[in-house]
């Protein structure tokens, strides 16, 4: 089973540096949208898992991965990529097992993003 490596940073500094070129207000808006959107996406992903729908799990994990990559939430994106891979392979049991790390990784990313805004 894929798990986020502790050697993988919670946030990718290069993505955050790139975002900073847009200005502090824009970055704050992007981060706020991400923080508001992820719980909704997580709920949809968990619903897809509950319904054991490989296509829906794949779609939701892919969307969540893209959002995470957009703000540099590396470890959250890694977990989503693993779930996406498992769903593509039709291994929903493994995808379910992987999904147990999502809440913790989002909490880590949320905390790190909020720390960066201070």
PDB file of N, CA and C in Angstrom:
ATOM      1  N   UNK A   1       0.845  -1.183   0.000  1.00  0.00           N
ATOM      2  CA  UNK A   1       0.000   0.000   0.000  1.00  0.00           C
ATOM      3  C   UNK A   1       0.885   1.238   0.000  1.00  0.00           C
ATOM      4  N   UNK A   2       0.502   2.218  -0.782  1.00  0.00           N
ATOM      5  CA  UNK A   2       1.227   3.478  -0.839  1.00  0.00           C
ATOM      6  C   UNK A   2       0.849   4.305   0.373  1.00  0.00           C
ATOM      7  N   UNK A   3       1.840   4.843   1.020  1.00  0.00           N
ATOM      8  CA  UNK A   3       1.569   5.806   2.085  1.00  0.00           C
ATOM      9  C   UNK A   3       2.446   7.012   1.846  1.00  0.00           C
ATOM     10  N   UNK A   4       1.995   8.141   2.293  1.00  0.00           N
ATOM     11  CA  UNK A   4       2.785   9.347   2.126  1.00  0.00           C
ATOM     12  C   UNK A   4       4.077   9.203   2.926  1.00  0.00           C
ATOM     13  N   UNK A   5       5.147   9.498   2.286  1.00  0.00           N
ATOM     14  CA  UNK A   5       6.447   9.377   2.927  1.00  0.00           C
ATOM     15  C   UNK A   5       6.716  10.606   3.784  1.00  0.00           C
ATOM     16  N   UNK A   6       7.290  10.385   4.962  1.00  0.00           N
ATOM     17  CA  UNK A   6       7.601  11.526   5.807  1.00  0.00           C
ATOM     18  C   UNK A   6       8.678  12.391   5.157  1.00  0.00           C
ATOM     19  N   UNK A   7       9.474  11.807   4.230  1.00  0.00           N
ATOM     20  CA  UNK A   7      10.492  12.586   3.536  1.00  0.00           C
ATOM     21  C   UNK A   7       9.875  13.491   2.462  1.00  0.00           C
ATOM     22  N   UNK A   8       8.644  13.199   2.072  1.00  0.00           N
ATOM     23  CA  UNK A   8       7.939  14.057   1.124  1.00  0.00           C
ATOM     24  C   UNK A   8       7.376  15.237   1.898  1.00  0.00           C
ATOM     25  N   UNK A   9       7.676  16.451   1.451  1.00  0.00           N
ATOM     26  CA  UNK A   9       7.170  17.604   2.196  1.00  0.00           C
ATOM     27  C   UNK A   9       5.649  17.711   2.102  1.00  0.00           C
ATOM     28  N   UNK A  10       5.053  18.261   3.135  1.00  0.00           N
ATOM     29  CA  UNK A  10       3.609  18.498   3.133  1.00  0.00           C
ATOM     30  C   UNK A  10       3.271  19.456   1.997  1.00  0.00           C
ATOM     31  N   UNK A  11       4.083  20.504   1.859  1.00  0.00           N
ATOM     32  CA  UNK A  11       3.879  21.507   0.806  1.00  0.00           C
ATOM     33  C   UNK A  11       5.124  21.601  -0.066  1.00  0.00           C
ATOM     34  N   UNK A  12       4.896  21.821  -1.352  1.00  0.00           N
ATOM     35  CA  UNK A  12       5.976  22.007  -2.320  1.00  0.00           C
ATOM     36  C   UNK A  12       6.284  23.497  -2.400  1.00  0.00           C
ATOM     37  N   UNK A  13       7.448  23.879  -1.894  1.00  0.00           N
ATOM     38  CA  UNK A  13       7.820  25.295  -1.854  1.00  0.00           C
ATOM     39  C   UNK A  13       7.882  25.929  -3.241  1.00  0.00           C
ATOM     40  N   UNK A  14       8.248  25.142  -4.254  1.00  0.00           N
ATOM     41  CA  UNK A  14       8.342  25.727  -5.600  1.00  0.00           C
ATOM     42  C   UNK A  14       6.965  26.133  -6.123  1.00  0.00           C
ATOM     43  N   UNK A  15       5.936  25.352  -5.817  1.00  0.00           N
ATOM     44  CA  UNK A  15       4.574  25.711  -6.225  1.00  0.00           C
ATOM     45  C   UNK A  15       4.138  26.971  -5.481  1.00  0.00           C
ATOM     46  N   UNK A  16       4.432  27.013  -4.202  1.00  0.00           N
ATOM     47  CA  UNK A  16       4.045  28.184  -3.412  1.00  0.00           C
ATOM     48  C   UNK A  16       4.783  29.433  -3.886  1.00  0.00           C
ATOM     49  N   UNK A  17       6.052  29.291  -4.238  1.00  0.00           N
ATOM     50  CA  UNK A  17       6.816  30.432  -4.759  1.00  0.00           C
ATOM     51  C   UNK A  17       6.216  30.930  -6.063  1.00  0.00           C
ATOM     52  N   UNK A  18       5.833  29.987  -6.921  1.00  0.00           N
ATOM     53  CA  UNK A  18       5.204  30.346  -8.193  1.00  0.00           C
ATOM     54  C   UNK A  18       3.890  31.102  -7.950  1.00  0.00           C
ATOM     55  N   UNK A  19       3.103  30.619  -6.999  1.00  0.00           N
ATOM     56  CA  UNK A  19       1.835  31.282  -6.682  1.00  0.00           C
ATOM     57  C   UNK A  19       2.071  32.689  -6.150  1.00  0.00           C
ATOM     58  N   UNK A  20       3.138  32.871  -5.400  1.00  0.00           N
ATOM     59  CA  UNK A  20       3.421  34.184  -4.808  1.00  0.00           C
ATOM     60  C   UNK A  20       3.580  35.265  -5.862  1.00  0.00           C
ATOM     61  N   UNK A  21       3.963  34.876  -7.077  1.00  0.00           N
ATOM     62  CA  UNK A  21       4.123  35.863  -8.146  1.00  0.00           C
ATOM     63  C   UNK A  21       2.782  36.486  -8.527  1.00  0.00           C
ATOM     64  N   UNK A  22       1.687  35.848  -8.147  1.00  0.00           N
ATOM     65  CA  UNK A  22       0.352  36.370  -8.444  1.00  0.00           C
ATOM     66  C   UNK A  22      -0.075  37.452  -7.461  1.00  0.00           C
ATOM     67  N   UNK A  23       0.629  37.558  -6.354  1.00  0.00           N
ATOM     68  CA  UNK A  23       0.294  38.533  -5.323  1.00  0.00           C
ATOM     69  C   UNK A  23      -0.354  37.877  -4.122  1.00  0.00           C
ATOM     70  N   UNK A  24      -0.148  38.475  -2.976  1.00  0.00           N
ATOM     71  CA  UNK A  24      -0.615  37.902  -1.712  1.00  0.00           C
ATOM     72  C   UNK A  24      -2.135  37.729  -1.664  1.00  0.00           C
ATOM     73  N   UNK A  25      -2.870  38.702  -2.195  1.00  0.00           N
ATOM     74  CA  UNK A  25      -4.337  38.607  -2.164  1.00  0.00           C
ATOM     75  C   UNK A  25      -4.841  37.445  -3.003  1.00  0.00           C
ATOM     76  N   UNK A  26      -4.242  37.245  -4.169  1.00  0.00           N
ATOM     77  CA  UNK A  26      -4.648  36.148  -5.047  1.00  0.00           C
ATOM     78  C   UNK A  26      -4.305  34.809  -4.403  1.00  0.00           C
ATOM     79  N   UNK A  27      -3.125  34.721  -3.811  1.00  0.00           N
ATOM     80  CA  UNK A  27      -2.721  33.481  -3.144  1.00  0.00           C
ATOM     81  C   UNK A  27      -3.675  33.170  -2.001  1.00  0.00           C
ATOM     82  N   UNK A  28      -4.027  34.183  -1.223  1.00  0.00           N
ATOM     83  CA  UNK A  28      -4.961  33.980  -0.109  1.00  0.00           C
ATOM     84  C   UNK A  28      -6.298  33.474  -0.626  1.00  0.00           C
ATOM     85  N   UNK A  29      -6.763  34.022  -1.741  1.00  0.00           N
ATOM     86  CA  UNK A  29      -8.029  33.583  -2.320  1.00  0.00           C
ATOM     87  C   UNK A  29      -7.944  32.137  -2.811  1.00  0.00           C
ATOM     88  N   UNK A  30      -6.843  31.789  -3.465  1.00  0.00           N
ATOM     89  CA  UNK A  30      -6.642  30.421  -3.951  1.00  0.00           C
ATOM     90  C   UNK A  30      -6.627  29.441  -2.785  1.00  0.00           C
ATOM     91  N   UNK A  31      -5.897  29.787  -1.747  1.00  0.00           N
ATOM     92  CA  UNK A  31      -5.812  28.912  -0.565  1.00  0.00           C
ATOM     93  C   UNK A  31      -7.177  28.789   0.099  1.00  0.00           C
ATOM     94  N   UNK A  32      -7.891  29.898   0.241  1.00  0.00           N
ATOM     95  CA  UNK A  32      -9.224  29.853   0.855  1.00  0.00           C
ATOM     96  C   UNK A  32     -10.166  28.964   0.047  1.00  0.00           C
ATOM     97  N   UNK A  33     -10.122  29.087  -1.276  1.00  0.00           N
ATOM     98  CA  UNK A  33     -10.961  28.236  -2.130  1.00  0.00           C
ATOM     99  C   UNK A  33     -10.592  26.765  -1.962  1.00  0.00           C
ATOM    100  N   UNK A  34      -9.310  26.479  -1.918  1.00  0.00           N
ATOM    101  CA  UNK A  34      -8.843  25.105  -1.724  1.00  0.00           C
ATOM    102  C   UNK A  34      -9.346  24.553  -0.393  1.00  0.00           C
ATOM    103  N   UNK A  35      -9.184  25.334   0.672  1.00  0.00           N
ATOM    104  CA  UNK A  35      -9.591  24.877   2.001  1.00  0.00           C
ATOM    105  C   UNK A  35     -11.100  24.681   2.102  1.00  0.00           C
ATOM    106  N   UNK A  36     -11.869  25.465   1.364  1.00  0.00           N
ATOM    107  CA  UNK A  36     -13.328  25.314   1.363  1.00  0.00           C
ATOM    108  C   UNK A  36     -13.766  24.154   0.468  1.00  0.00           C
ATOM    109  N   UNK A  37     -13.039  23.917  -0.609  1.00  0.00           N
ATOM    110  CA  UNK A  37     -13.408  22.920  -1.613  1.00  0.00           C
ATOM    111  C   UNK A  37     -13.058  21.491  -1.192  1.00  0.00           C
ATOM    112  N   UNK A  38     -11.943  21.318  -0.515  1.00  0.00           N
ATOM    113  CA  UNK A  38     -11.486  19.963  -0.212  1.00  0.00           C
ATOM    114  C   UNK A  38     -12.480  19.160   0.627  1.00  0.00           C
ATOM    115  N   UNK A  39     -13.076  19.712   1.676  1.00  0.00           N
ATOM    116  CA  UNK A  39     -14.049  18.898   2.423  1.00  0.00           C
ATOM    117  C   UNK A  39     -15.202  18.402   1.549  1.00  0.00           C
ATOM    118  N   UNK A  40     -15.645  19.235   0.603  1.00  0.00           N
ATOM    119  CA  UNK A  40     -16.711  18.828  -0.320  1.00  0.00           C
ATOM    120  C   UNK A  40     -16.216  17.691  -1.208  1.00  0.00           C
ATOM    121  N   UNK A  41     -14.999  17.843  -1.731  1.00  0.00           N
ATOM    122  CA  UNK A  41     -14.420  16.805  -2.594  1.00  0.00           C
ATOM    123  C   UNK A  41     -14.183  15.508  -1.813  1.00  0.00           C
ATOM    124  N   UNK A  42     -13.717  15.643  -0.572  1.00  0.00           N
ATOM    125  CA  UNK A  42     -13.514  14.447   0.257  1.00  0.00           C
ATOM    126  C   UNK A  42     -14.826  13.711   0.484  1.00  0.00           C
ATOM    127  N   UNK A  43     -15.884  14.464   0.749  1.00  0.00           N
ATOM    128  CA  UNK A  43     -17.198  13.847   0.964  1.00  0.00           C
ATOM    129  C   UNK A  43     -17.659  13.110  -0.289  1.00  0.00           C
ATOM    130  N   UNK A  44     -17.455  13.717  -1.460  1.00  0.00           N
ATOM    131  CA  UNK A  44     -17.843  13.060  -2.716  1.00  0.00           C
ATOM    132  C   UNK A  44     -17.012  11.803  -2.949  1.00  0.00           C
ATOM    133  N   UNK A  45     -15.736  11.867  -2.625  1.00  0.00           N
ATOM    134  CA  UNK A  45     -14.872  10.699  -2.784  1.00  0.00           C
ATOM    135  C   UNK A  45     -15.307   9.582  -1.846  1.00  0.00           C
ATOM    136  N   UNK A  46     -15.620   9.927  -0.606  1.00  0.00           N
ATOM    137  CA  UNK A  46     -16.047   8.905   0.345  1.00  0.00           C
ATOM    138  C   UNK A  46     -17.393   8.306  -0.068  1.00  0.00           C
ATOM    139  N   UNK A  47     -18.261   9.128  -0.619  1.00  0.00           N
ATOM    140  CA  UNK A  47     -19.550   8.621  -1.118  1.00  0.00           C
ATOM    141  C   UNK A  47     -19.309   7.651  -2.281  1.00  0.00           C
ATOM    142  N   UNK A  48     -18.392   7.996  -3.172  1.00  0.00           N
ATOM    143  CA  UNK A  48     -18.062   7.107  -4.297  1.00  0.00           C
ATOM    144  C   UNK A  48     -17.484   5.789  -3.785  1.00  0.00           C
ATOM    145  N   UNK A  49     -16.668   5.868  -2.746  1.00  0.00           N
ATOM    146  CA  UNK A  49     -16.102   4.657  -2.146  1.00  0.00           C
ATOM    147  C   UNK A  49     -17.213   3.825  -1.519  1.00  0.00           C
ATOM    148  N   UNK A  50     -18.115   4.489  -0.787  1.00  0.00           N
ATOM    149  CA  UNK A  50     -19.240   3.778  -0.158  1.00  0.00           C
ATOM    150  C   UNK A  50     -20.091   3.045  -1.194  1.00  0.00           C
ATOM    151  N   UNK A  51     -20.246   3.669  -2.375  1.00  0.00           N
ATOM    152  CA  UNK A  51     -21.029   3.048  -3.443  1.00  0.00           C
ATOM    153  C   UNK A  51     -20.194   2.067  -4.268  1.00  0.00           C
ATOM    154  N   UNK A  52     -18.922   1.966  -3.934  1.00  0.00           N
ATOM    155  CA  UNK A  52     -17.980   1.065  -4.628  1.00  0.00           C
ATOM    156  C   UNK A  52     -18.026   1.286  -6.142  1.00  0.00           C
ATOM    157  N   UNK A  53     -18.001   2.559  -6.518  1.00  0.00           N
ATOM    158  CA  UNK A  53     -18.021   2.948  -7.924  1.00  0.00           C
ATOM    159  C   UNK A  53     -16.607   3.337  -8.362  1.00  0.00           C
ATOM    160  N   UNK A  54     -15.941   2.436  -9.070  1.00  0.00           N
ATOM    161  CA  UNK A  54     -14.570   2.696  -9.517  1.00  0.00           C
ATOM    162  C   UNK A  54     -14.465   3.980 -10.327  1.00  0.00           C
ATOM    163  N   UNK A  55     -15.421   4.185 -11.240  1.00  0.00           N
ATOM    164  CA  UNK A  55     -15.381   5.385 -12.082  1.00  0.00           C
ATOM    165  C   UNK A  55     -15.491   6.658 -11.250  1.00  0.00           C
ATOM    166  N   UNK A  56     -16.411   6.667 -10.305  1.00  0.00           N
ATOM    167  CA  UNK A  56     -16.587   7.850  -9.465  1.00  0.00           C
ATOM    168  C   UNK A  56     -15.387   8.058  -8.548  1.00  0.00           C
ATOM    169  N   UNK A  57     -14.831   6.980  -8.003  1.00  0.00           N
ATOM    170  CA  UNK A  57     -13.638   7.097  -7.159  1.00  0.00           C
ATOM    171  C   UNK A  57     -12.496   7.675  -7.985  1.00  0.00           C
ATOM    172  N   UNK A  58     -12.318   7.149  -9.182  1.00  0.00           N
ATOM    173  CA  UNK A  58     -11.265   7.635 -10.075  1.00  0.00           C
ATOM    174  C   UNK A  58     -11.455   9.128 -10.361  1.00  0.00           C
ATOM    175  N   UNK A  59     -12.650   9.527 -10.718  1.00  0.00           N
ATOM    176  CA  UNK A  59     -12.948  10.919 -11.054  1.00  0.00           C
ATOM    177  C   UNK A  59     -12.712  11.841  -9.852  1.00  0.00           C
ATOM    178  N   UNK A  60     -13.229  11.458  -8.693  1.00  0.00           N
ATOM    179  CA  UNK A  60     -13.098  12.312  -7.504  1.00  0.00           C
ATOM    180  C   UNK A  60     -11.650  12.384  -7.011  1.00  0.00           C
ATOM    181  N   UNK A  61     -10.954  11.261  -7.026  1.00  0.00           N
ATOM    182  CA  UNK A  61      -9.547  11.255  -6.599  1.00  0.00           C
ATOM    183  C   UNK A  61      -8.709  12.110  -7.545  1.00  0.00           C
ATOM    184  N   UNK A  62      -9.009  12.021  -8.837  1.00  0.00           N
ATOM    185  CA  UNK A  62      -8.276  12.813  -9.834  1.00  0.00           C
ATOM    186  C   UNK A  62      -8.503  14.313  -9.610  1.00  0.00           C
ATOM    187  N   UNK A  63      -9.746  14.698  -9.388  1.00  0.00           N
ATOM    188  CA  UNK A  63     -10.052  16.106  -9.143  1.00  0.00           C
ATOM    189  C   UNK A  63      -9.400  16.632  -7.881  1.00  0.00           C
ATOM    190  N   UNK A  64      -9.438  15.834  -6.833  1.00  0.00           N
ATOM    191  CA  UNK A  64      -8.821  16.227  -5.573  1.00  0.00           C
ATOM    192  C   UNK A  64      -7.307  16.325  -5.721  1.00  0.00           C
ATOM    193  N   UNK A  65      -6.725  15.401  -6.475  1.00  0.00           N
ATOM    194  CA  UNK A  65      -5.280  15.433  -6.727  1.00  0.00           C
ATOM    195  C   UNK A  65      -4.908  16.731  -7.439  1.00  0.00           C
ATOM    196  N   UNK A  66      -5.689  17.114  -8.441  1.00  0.00           N
ATOM    197  CA  UNK A  66      -5.415  18.348  -9.167  1.00  0.00           C
ATOM    198  C   UNK A  66      -5.492  19.577  -8.273  1.00  0.00           C
ATOM    199  N   UNK A  67      -6.475  19.618  -7.412  1.00  0.00           N
ATOM    200  CA  UNK A  67      -6.600  20.739  -6.480  1.00  0.00           C
ATOM    201  C   UNK A  67      -5.401  20.803  -5.543  1.00  0.00           C
ATOM    202  N   UNK A  68      -5.010  19.647  -5.039  1.00  0.00           N
ATOM    203  CA  UNK A  68      -3.875  19.584  -4.117  1.00  0.00           C
ATOM    204  C   UNK A  68      -2.586  20.034  -4.810  1.00  0.00           C
ATOM    205  N   UNK A  69      -2.373  19.564  -6.034  1.00  0.00           N
ATOM    206  CA  UNK A  69      -1.176  19.964  -6.772  1.00  0.00           C
ATOM    207  C   UNK A  69      -1.168  21.466  -7.043  1.00  0.00           C
ATOM    208  N   UNK A  70      -2.345  22.040  -7.242  1.00  0.00           N
ATOM    209  CA  UNK A  70      -2.460  23.468  -7.532  1.00  0.00           C
ATOM    210  C   UNK A  70      -1.967  24.363  -6.414  1.00  0.00           C
ATOM    211  N   UNK A  71      -2.049  23.886  -5.181  1.00  0.00           N
ATOM    212  CA  UNK A  71      -1.559  24.676  -4.049  1.00  0.00           C
ATOM    213  C   UNK A  71      -0.280  24.078  -3.452  1.00  0.00           C
ATOM    214  N   UNK A  72       0.228  23.035  -4.082  1.00  0.00           N
ATOM    215  CA  UNK A  72       1.477  22.431  -3.623  1.00  0.00           C
ATOM    216  C   UNK A  72       1.327  21.468  -2.466  1.00  0.00           C
ATOM    217  N   UNK A  73       0.121  20.949  -2.234  1.00  0.00           N
ATOM    218  CA  UNK A  73      -0.109  19.984  -1.149  1.00  0.00           C
ATOM    219  C   UNK A  73       0.339  18.599  -1.624  1.00  0.00           C
ATOM    220  N   UNK A  74       1.638  18.394  -1.590  1.00  0.00           N
ATOM    221  CA  UNK A  74       2.288  17.237  -2.202  1.00  0.00           C
ATOM    222  C   UNK A  74       1.820  15.897  -1.645  1.00  0.00           C
ATOM    223  N   UNK A  75       1.835  15.766  -0.342  1.00  0.00           N
ATOM    224  CA  UNK A  75       1.480  14.462   0.238  1.00  0.00           C
ATOM    225  C   UNK A  75       0.010  14.138   0.026  1.00  0.00           C
ATOM    226  N   UNK A  76      -0.858  15.128   0.116  1.00  0.00           N
ATOM    227  CA  UNK A  76      -2.272  14.899  -0.166  1.00  0.00           C
ATOM    228  C   UNK A  76      -2.431  14.454  -1.618  1.00  0.00           C
ATOM    229  N   UNK A  77      -1.723  15.093  -2.528  1.00  0.00           N
ATOM    230  CA  UNK A  77      -1.780  14.717  -3.946  1.00  0.00           C
ATOM    231  C   UNK A  77      -1.270  13.294  -4.152  1.00  0.00           C
ATOM    232  N   UNK A  78      -0.230  12.910  -3.411  1.00  0.00           N
ATOM    233  CA  UNK A  78       0.314  11.546  -3.527  1.00  0.00           C
ATOM    234  C   UNK A  78      -0.714  10.492  -3.120  1.00  0.00           C
ATOM    235  N   UNK A  79      -1.420  10.743  -2.029  1.00  0.00           N
ATOM    236  CA  UNK A  79      -2.446   9.796  -1.581  1.00  0.00           C
ATOM    237  C   UNK A  79      -3.559   9.714  -2.619  1.00  0.00           C
ATOM    238  N   UNK A  80      -3.965  10.858  -3.146  1.00  0.00           N
ATOM    239  CA  UNK A  80      -5.008  10.872  -4.180  1.00  0.00           C
ATOM    240  C   UNK A  80      -4.555  10.114  -5.428  1.00  0.00           C
ATOM    241  N   UNK A  81      -3.300  10.290  -5.804  1.00  0.00           N
ATOM    242  CA  UNK A  81      -2.766   9.584  -6.974  1.00  0.00           C
ATOM    243  C   UNK A  81      -2.799   8.078  -6.749  1.00  0.00           C
ATOM    244  N   UNK A  82      -2.482   7.639  -5.538  1.00  0.00           N
ATOM    245  CA  UNK A  82      -2.511   6.210  -5.230  1.00  0.00           C
ATOM    246  C   UNK A  82      -3.943   5.668  -5.301  1.00  0.00           C
ATOM    247  N   UNK A  83      -4.892   6.417  -4.775  1.00  0.00           N
ATOM    248  CA  UNK A  83      -6.305   6.011  -4.832  1.00  0.00           C
ATOM    249  C   UNK A  83      -6.764   5.964  -6.282  1.00  0.00           C
ATOM    250  N   UNK A  84      -6.390   6.975  -7.048  1.00  0.00           N
ATOM    251  CA  UNK A  84      -6.735   7.038  -8.466  1.00  0.00           C
ATOM    252  C   UNK A  84      -6.183   5.798  -9.193  1.00  0.00           C
ATOM    253  N   UNK A  85      -4.945   5.474  -8.915  1.00  0.00           N
ATOM    254  CA  UNK A  85      -4.312   4.296  -9.534  1.00  0.00           C
ATOM    255  C   UNK A  85      -5.057   3.019  -9.169  1.00  0.00           C
ATOM    256  N   UNK A  86      -5.377   2.866  -7.890  1.00  0.00           N
ATOM    257  CA  UNK A  86      -6.092   1.664  -7.441  1.00  0.00           C
ATOM    258  C   UNK A  86      -7.472   1.570  -8.091  1.00  0.00           C
ATOM    259  N   UNK A  87      -8.172   2.696  -8.191  1.00  0.00           N
ATOM    260  CA  UNK A  87      -9.498   2.693  -8.818  1.00  0.00           C
ATOM    261  C   UNK A  87      -9.390   2.334 -10.294  1.00  0.00           C
ATOM    262  N   UNK A  88      -8.367   2.857 -10.954  1.00  0.00           N
ATOM    263  CA  UNK A  88      -8.162   2.553 -12.370  1.00  0.00           C
ATOM    264  C   UNK A  88      -7.917   1.054 -12.558  1.00  0.00           C
ATOM    265  N   UNK A  89      -7.212   0.463 -11.593  1.00  0.00           N
ATOM    266  CA  UNK A  89      -6.920  -0.982 -11.641  1.00  0.00           C
ATOM    267  C   UNK A  89      -8.083  -1.833 -11.148  1.00  0.00           C
ATOM    268  N   UNK A  90      -9.162  -1.176 -10.668  1.00  0.00           N
ATOM    269  CA  UNK A  90     -10.316  -1.905 -10.165  1.00  0.00           C
ATOM    270  C   UNK A  90     -10.121  -2.484  -8.772  1.00  0.00           C
ATOM    271  N   UNK A  91      -9.104  -2.010  -8.062  1.00  0.00           N
ATOM    272  CA  UNK A  91      -8.806  -2.508  -6.716  1.00  0.00           C
ATOM    273  C   UNK A  91      -9.397  -1.550  -5.677  1.00  0.00           C
ATOM    274  N   UNK A  92     -10.724  -1.615  -5.536  1.00  0.00           N
ATOM    275  CA  UNK A  92     -11.395  -0.691  -4.620  1.00  0.00           C
ATOM    276  C   UNK A  92     -11.059  -0.956  -3.163  1.00  0.00           C
ATOM    277  N   UNK A  93     -10.772  -2.202  -2.811  1.00  0.00           N
ATOM    278  CA  UNK A  93     -10.396  -2.481  -1.425  1.00  0.00           C
ATOM    279  C   UNK A  93      -9.114  -1.740  -1.057  1.00  0.00           C
ATOM    280  N   UNK A  94      -8.180  -1.727  -1.978  1.00  0.00           N
ATOM    281  CA  UNK A  94      -6.934  -1.004  -1.734  1.00  0.00           C
ATOM    282  C   UNK A  94      -7.184   0.504  -1.723  1.00  0.00           C
ATOM    283  N   UNK A  95      -8.041   0.979  -2.629  1.00  0.00           N
ATOM    284  CA  UNK A  95      -8.379   2.402  -2.652  1.00  0.00           C
ATOM    285  C   UNK A  95      -9.017   2.821  -1.322  1.00  0.00           C
ATOM    286  N   UNK A  96      -9.879   1.967  -0.806  1.00  0.00           N
ATOM    287  CA  UNK A  96     -10.519   2.245   0.486  1.00  0.00           C
ATOM    288  C   UNK A  96      -9.464   2.328   1.586  1.00  0.00           C
ATOM    289  N   UNK A  97      -8.541   1.388   1.574  1.00  0.00           N
ATOM    290  CA  UNK A  97      -7.471   1.400   2.577  1.00  0.00           C
ATOM    291  C   UNK A  97      -6.638   2.686   2.466  1.00  0.00           C
ATOM    292  N   UNK A  98      -6.351   3.092   1.245  1.00  0.00           N
ATOM    293  CA  UNK A  98      -5.572   4.316   1.025  1.00  0.00           C
ATOM    294  C   UNK A  98      -6.327   5.554   1.529  1.00  0.00           C
ATOM    295  N   UNK A  99      -7.647   5.521   1.374  1.00  0.00           N
ATOM    296  CA  UNK A  99      -8.448   6.700   1.701  1.00  0.00           C
ATOM    297  C   UNK A  99      -8.401   7.053   3.180  1.00  0.00           C
ATOM    298  N   UNK A 100      -8.010   6.104   4.016  1.00  0.00           N
ATOM    299  CA  UNK A 100      -7.943   6.382   5.447  1.00  0.00           C
ATOM    300  C   UNK A 100      -6.916   7.476   5.774  1.00  0.00           C
ATOM    301  N   UNK A 101      -5.981   7.725   4.874  1.00  0.00           N
ATOM    302  CA  UNK A 101      -4.961   8.745   5.112  1.00  0.00           C
ATOM    303  C   UNK A 101      -5.388  10.139   4.658  1.00  0.00           C
ATOM    304  N   UNK A 102      -6.505  10.249   3.947  1.00  0.00           N
ATOM    305  CA  UNK A 102      -6.889  11.525   3.351  1.00  0.00           C
ATOM    306  C   UNK A 102      -7.136  12.632   4.372  1.00  0.00           C
ATOM    307  N   UNK A 103      -7.910  12.339   5.382  1.00  0.00           N
ATOM    308  CA  UNK A 103      -8.245  13.374   6.374  1.00  0.00           C
ATOM    309  C   UNK A 103      -6.988  13.904   7.059  1.00  0.00           C
ATOM    310  N   UNK A 104      -6.096  13.000   7.448  1.00  0.00           N
ATOM    311  CA  UNK A 104      -4.861  13.418   8.123  1.00  0.00           C
ATOM    312  C   UNK A 104      -3.977  14.247   7.203  1.00  0.00           C
ATOM    313  N   UNK A 105      -3.872  13.839   5.948  1.00  0.00           N
ATOM    314  CA  UNK A 105      -3.043  14.595   5.001  1.00  0.00           C
ATOM    315  C   UNK A 105      -3.650  15.966   4.713  1.00  0.00           C
ATOM    316  N   UNK A 106      -4.985  16.035   4.626  1.00  0.00           N
ATOM    317  CA  UNK A 106      -5.619  17.339   4.429  1.00  0.00           C
ATOM    318  C   UNK A 106      -5.389  18.227   5.649  1.00  0.00           C
ATOM    319  N   UNK A 107      -5.499  17.660   6.843  1.00  0.00           N
ATOM    320  CA  UNK A 107      -5.260  18.433   8.064  1.00  0.00           C
ATOM    321  C   UNK A 107      -3.833  18.983   8.086  1.00  0.00           C
ATOM    322  N   UNK A 108      -2.874  18.156   7.679  1.00  0.00           N
ATOM    323  CA  UNK A 108      -1.474  18.606   7.609  1.00  0.00           C
ATOM    324  C   UNK A 108      -1.330  19.751   6.614  1.00  0.00           C
ATOM    325  N   UNK A 109      -1.897  19.574   5.424  1.00  0.00           N
ATOM    326  CA  UNK A 109      -1.799  20.597   4.382  1.00  0.00           C
ATOM    327  C   UNK A 109      -2.488  21.888   4.832  1.00  0.00           C
ATOM    328  N   UNK A 110      -3.677  21.755   5.426  1.00  0.00           N
ATOM    329  CA  UNK A 110      -4.415  22.925   5.904  1.00  0.00           C
ATOM    330  C   UNK A 110      -3.586  23.699   6.930  1.00  0.00           C
ATOM    331  N   UNK A 111      -3.015  22.984   7.877  1.00  0.00           N
ATOM    332  CA  UNK A 111      -2.184  23.633   8.892  1.00  0.00           C
ATOM    333  C   UNK A 111      -0.962  24.319   8.299  1.00  0.00           C
ATOM    334  N   UNK A 112      -0.301  23.648   7.370  1.00  0.00           N
ATOM    335  CA  UNK A 112       0.894  24.207   6.739  1.00  0.00           C
ATOM    336  C   UNK A 112       0.550  25.435   5.902  1.00  0.00           C
ATOM    337  N   UNK A 113      -0.568  25.377   5.185  1.00  0.00           N
ATOM    338  CA  UNK A 113      -0.981  26.524   4.375  1.00  0.00           C
ATOM    339  C   UNK A 113      -1.346  27.717   5.263  1.00  0.00           C
ATOM    340  N   UNK A 114      -2.034  27.455   6.344  1.00  0.00           N
ATOM    341  CA  UNK A 114      -2.400  28.544   7.257  1.00  0.00           C
ATOM    342  C   UNK A 114      -1.160  29.149   7.909  1.00  0.00           C
ATOM    343  N   UNK A 115      -0.180  28.305   8.239  1.00  0.00           N
ATOM    344  CA  UNK A 115       1.071  28.798   8.824  1.00  0.00           C
ATOM    345  C   UNK A 115       1.807  29.722   7.853  1.00  0.00           C
ATOM    346  N   UNK A 116       1.744  29.394   6.575  1.00  0.00           N
ATOM    347  CA  UNK A 116       2.435  30.197   5.547  1.00  0.00           C
ATOM    348  C   UNK A 116       1.791  31.565   5.377  1.00  0.00           C
ATOM    349  N   UNK A 117       0.526  31.678   5.692  1.00  0.00           N
ATOM    350  CA  UNK A 117      -0.180  32.947   5.499  1.00  0.00           C
ATOM    351  C   UNK A 117       0.046  33.917   6.640  1.00  0.00           C
ATOM    352  N   UNK A 118       0.639  33.468   7.714  1.00  0.00           N
ATOM    353  CA  UNK A 118       0.851  34.341   8.887  1.00  0.00           C
ATOM    354  C   UNK A 118       2.029  35.233   8.683  1.00  0.00           C
TER     355      UNK A 118
END
